[in-house]
Amino acid sequence: MPGTRDAAFRFWSTLSTWMVTVEYGFEPVNAGKTLFRIRSSDGTVMIIALYVDDGLVAHKNDGAYAAFVKALATRFELSAESKEVTWYLGVRLQRDWEVGTLKLTQEQYVKDLLK
């Protein structure tokens, strides 16, 4: 049944299995299969953090990323394909491209706790 914990687990299981099969070829980095990596033909690495139905991709090869998103979209419904991430699993990500920094905060979570 959609919306249940079981449905979320089945989705995660299907997605993580798809990612490590010959169909795509990611390698799980940890035992919980929440972090995956694949090396592109040019030697760059794409890393994917996956938590149930939320994913975050780090990459340097736009072509490999576009191919991955295209393959993913043929199998799964995507809600956001390629925008800069500002929130992930309740953590705010603030990037300063000029300085080269990435700040992670849970300020909103703390504010919500104090209400």
Protein backbone atom coordinates (compact mmCIF):
# COMPACT_ATOMS: atom_id res chain seq x y z
CA MET A 1 0.00 0.00 0.00
CA PRO A 2 1.47 3.39 -1.00
CA GLY A 3 2.57 5.65 1.83
CA THR A 4 3.36 2.87 4.25
CA ARG A 5 6.75 2.01 5.70
CA ASP A 6 6.62 -1.23 3.77
CA ALA A 7 6.09 0.64 0.50
CA ALA A 8 9.04 2.94 1.26
CA PHE A 9 11.26 -0.06 2.02
CA ARG A 10 10.16 -1.84 -1.17
CA PHE A 11 10.98 1.29 -3.19
CA TRP A 12 14.42 1.63 -1.57
CA SER A 13 15.07 -2.07 -2.10
CA THR A 14 14.06 -1.91 -5.78
CA LEU A 15 16.13 1.24 -6.39
CA SER A 16 19.24 0.02 -4.58
CA THR A 17 19.05 -3.34 -6.38
CA TRP A 18 18.72 -1.57 -9.75
CA MET A 19 21.73 0.59 -8.99
CA VAL A 20 24.09 -2.33 -8.27
CA THR A 21 22.98 -4.63 -11.07
CA VAL A 22 24.65 -4.95 -14.42
CA GLU A 23 21.94 -2.55 -15.62
CA TYR A 24 23.77 0.33 -13.99
CA GLY A 25 26.75 -0.96 -12.00
CA PHE A 26 27.05 1.14 -8.84
CA GLU A 27 29.06 -0.29 -5.99
CA PRO A 28 27.63 -0.06 -2.47
CA VAL A 29 30.11 1.71 -0.19
CA ASN A 30 28.55 0.69 3.12
CA ALA A 31 26.75 -2.39 4.42
CA GLY A 32 23.43 -0.55 4.75
CA LYS A 33 23.38 0.26 1.03
CA THR A 34 22.77 3.95 1.61
CA LEU A 35 25.92 5.18 -0.14
CA PHE A 36 26.92 4.12 -3.66
CA ARG A 37 29.69 5.01 -6.08
CA ILE A 38 30.56 4.42 -9.72
CA ARG A 39 33.61 5.40 -11.72
CA SER A 40 33.02 6.99 -15.14
CA SER A 41 35.04 6.08 -18.21
CA ASP A 42 37.07 9.27 -17.70
CA GLY A 43 37.98 8.19 -14.15
CA THR A 44 35.70 10.59 -12.28
CA VAL A 45 33.56 9.21 -9.50
CA MET A 46 29.83 9.76 -8.94
CA ILE A 47 28.60 9.24 -5.39
CA ILE A 48 24.96 8.79 -4.41
CA ALA A 49 23.54 9.02 -0.89
CA LEU A 50 20.19 7.27 -0.70
CA TYR A 51 17.75 7.28 2.19
CA VAL A 52 14.43 5.57 1.44
CA ASP A 53 13.17 7.71 -1.47
CA ASP A 54 15.50 10.72 -1.05
CA GLY A 55 18.73 10.78 -2.99
CA LEU A 56 21.66 13.13 -3.27
CA VAL A 57 24.25 12.94 -6.07
CA ALA A 58 27.80 14.32 -6.05
CA HIS A 59 29.58 14.35 -9.40
CA LYS A 60 32.11 16.16 -11.57
CA ASN A 61 31.09 14.67 -14.92
CA ASP A 62 27.93 16.33 -16.22
CA GLY A 63 27.61 13.82 -19.06
CA ALA A 64 27.76 10.80 -16.74
CA TYR A 65 25.29 12.49 -14.40
CA ALA A 66 22.86 13.26 -17.26
CA ALA A 67 23.08 9.65 -18.48
CA PHE A 68 22.40 8.38 -14.96
CA VAL A 69 19.39 10.67 -14.49
CA LYS A 70 18.02 9.62 -17.89
CA ALA A 71 18.39 5.93 -17.02
CA LEU A 72 16.88 6.53 -13.59
CA ALA A 73 13.91 8.41 -15.07
CA THR A 74 13.08 5.50 -17.38
CA ARG A 75 12.62 3.27 -14.34
CA PHE A 76 11.47 5.62 -11.55
CA GLU A 77 9.46 8.81 -11.19
CA LEU A 78 11.74 11.73 -10.31
CA SER A 79 10.61 14.83 -8.45
CA ALA A 80 13.78 16.91 -8.97
CA GLU A 81 16.37 16.06 -11.56
CA SER A 82 19.13 18.62 -11.43
CA LYS A 83 18.78 21.59 -9.18
CA GLU A 84 21.21 22.72 -6.54
CA VAL A 85 20.30 21.14 -3.23
CA THR A 86 19.40 23.47 -0.37
CA TRP A 87 17.77 20.89 1.96
CA TYR A 88 18.41 17.16 2.41
CA LEU A 89 16.87 15.06 5.19
CA GLY A 90 16.24 18.10 7.37
CA VAL A 91 19.74 19.51 6.91
CA ARG A 92 20.18 22.89 5.23
CA LEU A 93 23.04 23.09 2.74
CA GLN A 94 24.49 26.54 2.04
CA ARG A 95 27.11 26.67 -0.69
CA ASP A 96 29.44 29.58 -1.38
CA TRP A 97 30.93 28.86 -4.78
CA GLU A 98 33.28 31.87 -4.70
CA VAL A 99 34.90 30.89 -1.42
CA GLY A 100 34.53 27.14 -2.05
CA THR A 101 32.67 26.27 1.14
CA LEU A 102 29.68 24.14 2.05
CA LYS A 103 27.88 24.83 5.32
CA LEU A 104 25.49 22.26 6.82
CA THR A 105 23.06 23.35 9.53
CA GLN A 106 20.06 22.04 11.41
CA GLU A 107 19.07 25.50 12.59
CA GLN A 108 15.43 25.05 11.54
CA TYR A 109 15.22 21.76 13.44
CA VAL A 110 16.45 23.47 16.61
CA LYS A 111 14.00 26.36 16.13
CA ASP A 112 11.15 23.87 15.70
CA LEU A 113 12.18 22.07 18.89
CA LEU A 114 12.14 25.34 20.84
CA LYS A 115 8.63 26.32 19.74
